[in-house]
């Protein structure tokens, strides 16, 4: 008869442990410059001719990183750009996970604690949104990927595709925030 209470206690402890694991906070990404599916301010739009923006990288914050995360990578991708083929606007990596955020303008180019990869033009820099004039607003997906790589482990100058390949087997999770941008 003692086996049943012991079995019940063990089962209860296991279920409580599973509940504790399952209720861990999910990874989140946000920007103080725009909320989910809101318009990205002109400060973060492209600063090229007729783009209407200032080309400043947006602030990005992350929390709830998976256990074992050592660094994060950030992507800004426009799936509507290039006639539906997509456009890579921002690739940043080698960022210490415990920073918790990049401040506005901090992701423009390489700097202390950040490597900025190549955008659609091949330049290692943030390239703000600049969809064709008259297009419906494009969606810009800002994704933070948690990795088990030490900050500084990856070489400079990676494209989005090269970074994604380098992260295979090292990504621990990811989350995104989506903003919209259009030109009049």
Protein backbone atom coordinates (compact mmCIF):
# COMPACT_ATOMS: atom_id res chain seq x y z
CA UNK A 1 0.00 0.00 0.00
CA UNK A 2 2.93 2.36 0.55
CA UNK A 3 3.85 2.17 -3.14
CA UNK A 4 0.79 4.13 -4.22
CA UNK A 5 1.44 7.24 -2.09
CA UNK A 6 5.09 7.15 -3.12
CA UNK A 7 4.13 6.79 -6.80
CA UNK A 8 1.61 9.62 -6.42
CA UNK A 9 4.26 11.84 -4.80
CA UNK A 10 6.80 11.08 -7.52
CA UNK A 11 4.22 11.74 -10.26
CA UNK A 12 3.16 15.00 -8.61
CA UNK A 13 6.78 16.16 -8.31
CA UNK A 14 7.42 15.31 -11.98
CA UNK A 15 4.31 17.20 -13.09
CA UNK A 16 5.28 20.22 -11.01
CA UNK A 17 8.75 20.17 -12.55
CA UNK A 18 7.23 19.99 -16.05
CA UNK A 19 4.86 22.84 -15.25
CA UNK A 20 7.78 24.92 -14.00
CA UNK A 21 9.71 24.31 -17.22
CA UNK A 22 6.69 24.90 -19.44
CA UNK A 23 5.81 28.16 -17.70
CA UNK A 24 9.24 29.74 -18.19
CA UNK A 25 8.89 33.14 -19.85
CA UNK A 26 9.07 32.93 -23.65
CA UNK A 27 11.72 34.83 -25.55
CA UNK A 28 10.48 38.28 -26.56
CA UNK A 29 11.74 41.05 -28.82
CA UNK A 30 10.57 44.65 -28.83
CA UNK A 31 11.50 48.11 -29.99
CA UNK A 32 10.76 51.30 -28.10
CA UNK A 33 10.54 53.02 -31.52
CA UNK A 34 7.52 51.04 -32.78
CA UNK A 35 5.09 48.42 -31.51
CA UNK A 36 4.06 45.19 -33.23
CA UNK A 37 2.74 45.88 -36.76
CA UNK A 38 2.98 49.65 -36.26
CA UNK A 39 4.63 52.17 -38.57
CA UNK A 40 8.42 52.44 -38.24
CA UNK A 41 9.33 56.10 -37.61
CA UNK A 42 11.11 58.03 -40.38
CA UNK A 43 14.23 58.23 -38.21
CA UNK A 44 14.77 54.54 -38.98
CA UNK A 45 13.79 54.72 -42.66
CA UNK A 46 16.31 54.78 -45.46
CA UNK A 47 18.32 57.98 -45.85
CA UNK A 48 18.84 57.63 -49.60
CA UNK A 49 17.35 60.05 -52.13
CA UNK A 50 13.55 60.16 -51.80
CA UNK A 51 13.45 57.56 -49.00
CA UNK A 52 12.21 60.04 -46.40
CA UNK A 53 14.24 58.67 -43.52
CA UNK A 54 17.36 59.33 -41.52
CA UNK A 55 18.87 55.82 -41.69
CA UNK A 56 19.34 55.35 -37.94
CA UNK A 57 19.16 51.76 -36.68
CA UNK A 58 16.21 51.22 -34.32
CA UNK A 59 16.50 50.29 -30.66
CA UNK A 60 15.93 46.56 -30.13
CA UNK A 61 15.46 44.81 -26.78
CA UNK A 62 15.24 41.10 -25.95
CA UNK A 63 14.38 39.02 -22.89
CA UNK A 64 13.55 35.45 -21.91
CA UNK A 65 16.57 33.98 -23.68
CA UNK A 66 16.91 30.19 -23.56
CA UNK A 67 19.34 28.68 -21.07
CA UNK A 68 22.84 28.46 -22.51
CA UNK A 69 22.53 31.56 -24.69
CA UNK A 70 25.87 33.35 -25.00
CA UNK A 71 25.28 35.77 -27.87
CA UNK A 72 22.52 37.03 -30.12
CA UNK A 73 22.21 37.88 -33.79
CA UNK A 74 19.76 40.42 -35.20
CA UNK A 75 18.21 40.42 -38.66
CA UNK A 76 15.93 42.99 -40.32
CA UNK A 77 14.29 41.48 -43.38
CA UNK A 78 11.64 42.84 -45.75
CA UNK A 79 9.77 39.82 -47.20
CA UNK A 80 7.78 42.14 -49.51
CA UNK A 81 10.86 43.68 -51.13
CA UNK A 82 12.44 42.76 -54.44
CA UNK A 83 9.12 41.65 -55.91
CA UNK A 84 8.49 39.17 -53.08
CA UNK A 85 12.01 37.71 -52.99
CA UNK A 86 12.87 39.75 -49.91
CA UNK A 87 15.52 42.27 -48.95
CA UNK A 88 18.05 42.07 -46.12
CA UNK A 89 18.36 45.47 -44.43
CA UNK A 90 20.33 44.63 -41.30
CA UNK A 91 22.55 41.82 -40.07
CA UNK A 92 24.18 42.23 -36.64
CA UNK A 93 25.87 39.56 -34.53
CA UNK A 94 28.57 38.73 -31.95
CA UNK A 95 26.39 40.63 -29.44
CA UNK A 96 26.65 39.49 -25.80
CA UNK A 97 23.30 38.07 -24.74
CA UNK A 98 23.34 39.73 -21.34
CA UNK A 99 23.28 43.21 -22.89
CA UNK A 100 19.53 42.85 -23.31
CA UNK A 101 19.31 45.60 -25.93
CA UNK A 102 20.88 47.70 -28.63
CA UNK A 103 20.18 51.41 -28.29
CA UNK A 104 19.05 53.57 -31.20
CA UNK A 105 21.91 54.04 -33.66
CA UNK A 106 24.12 51.47 -31.95
CA UNK A 107 23.72 48.97 -34.78
CA UNK A 108 24.76 51.29 -37.62
CA UNK A 109 28.22 49.79 -38.12
CA UNK A 110 30.75 47.64 -36.28
CA UNK A 111 31.50 48.86 -32.81
CA UNK A 112 32.37 47.62 -29.34
CA UNK A 113 30.48 44.39 -28.80
CA UNK A 114 28.78 44.24 -32.21
CA UNK A 115 29.64 43.07 -35.69
CA UNK A 116 27.43 44.41 -38.49
CA UNK A 117 27.16 42.17 -41.54
CA UNK A 118 26.40 43.00 -45.15
CA UNK A 119 23.00 44.32 -46.23
CA UNK A 120 21.38 44.00 -49.69
CA UNK A 121 23.90 46.42 -51.22
CA UNK A 122 26.89 44.50 -49.85
CA UNK A 123 27.74 47.24 -47.36
CA UNK A 124 28.38 46.26 -43.73
CA UNK A 125 25.86 48.72 -42.31
CA UNK A 126 22.23 49.18 -41.30
CA UNK A 127 20.13 50.09 -44.35
CA UNK A 128 16.81 51.65 -43.43
CA UNK A 129 13.55 50.78 -45.19
CA UNK A 130 12.93 52.42 -48.57
CA UNK A 131 10.23 50.57 -50.51
CA UNK A 132 9.20 51.83 -53.95
CA UNK A 133 7.06 54.98 -53.83
CA UNK A 134 3.38 54.14 -54.05
CA UNK A 135 3.77 50.53 -52.82
CA UNK A 136 1.59 49.39 -49.96
CA UNK A 137 3.53 49.47 -46.69
CA UNK A 138 6.21 46.79 -46.58
CA UNK A 139 6.66 44.59 -43.51
CA UNK A 140 10.04 44.68 -41.77
CA UNK A 141 10.72 41.69 -39.55
CA UNK A 142 13.30 42.33 -36.83
CA UNK A 143 14.39 38.94 -35.48
CA UNK A 144 16.72 38.23 -32.59
CA UNK A 145 18.29 34.76 -32.61
CA UNK A 146 19.76 33.38 -29.38
CA UNK A 147 22.97 31.39 -29.95
CA UNK A 148 25.36 29.26 -27.93
CA UNK A 149 28.34 30.99 -29.59
CA UNK A 150 30.64 33.24 -27.61
CA UNK A 151 30.50 36.94 -28.59
CA UNK A 152 33.19 37.54 -31.20
CA UNK A 153 33.21 33.92 -32.44
CA UNK A 154 32.02 34.79 -35.96
CA UNK A 155 34.05 36.62 -38.62
CA UNK A 156 33.17 40.09 -39.88
CA UNK A 157 31.38 40.74 -43.16
CA UNK A 158 28.78 37.96 -43.21
CA UNK A 159 25.64 38.28 -45.32
CA UNK A 160 22.25 37.20 -43.98
CA UNK A 161 22.56 33.85 -45.75
CA UNK A 162 26.12 33.26 -44.53
CA UNK A 163 25.17 34.11 -40.96
CA UNK A 164 22.14 31.82 -41.06
CA UNK A 165 24.38 28.98 -42.29
CA UNK A 166 26.93 29.71 -39.53
CA UNK A 167 24.17 29.61 -36.89
CA UNK A 168 22.93 26.13 -37.87
CA UNK A 169 23.43 23.91 -34.86
CA UNK A 170 24.07 26.95 -32.65
CA UNK A 171 20.66 28.68 -32.62
CA UNK A 172 18.78 28.17 -29.36
CA UNK A 173 15.63 30.15 -30.15
CA UNK A 174 14.34 33.32 -31.71
CA UNK A 175 11.62 35.94 -31.60
CA UNK A 176 10.59 38.86 -33.78
CA UNK A 177 8.82 42.17 -33.89
CA UNK A 178 7.29 43.44 -37.16
CA UNK A 179 7.05 47.05 -38.26
CA UNK A 180 5.71 48.64 -41.45
CA UNK A 181 7.12 51.39 -43.65
CA UNK A 182 6.03 53.08 -46.87
CA UNK A 183 6.89 56.07 -49.00
CA UNK A 184 4.25 58.47 -50.19
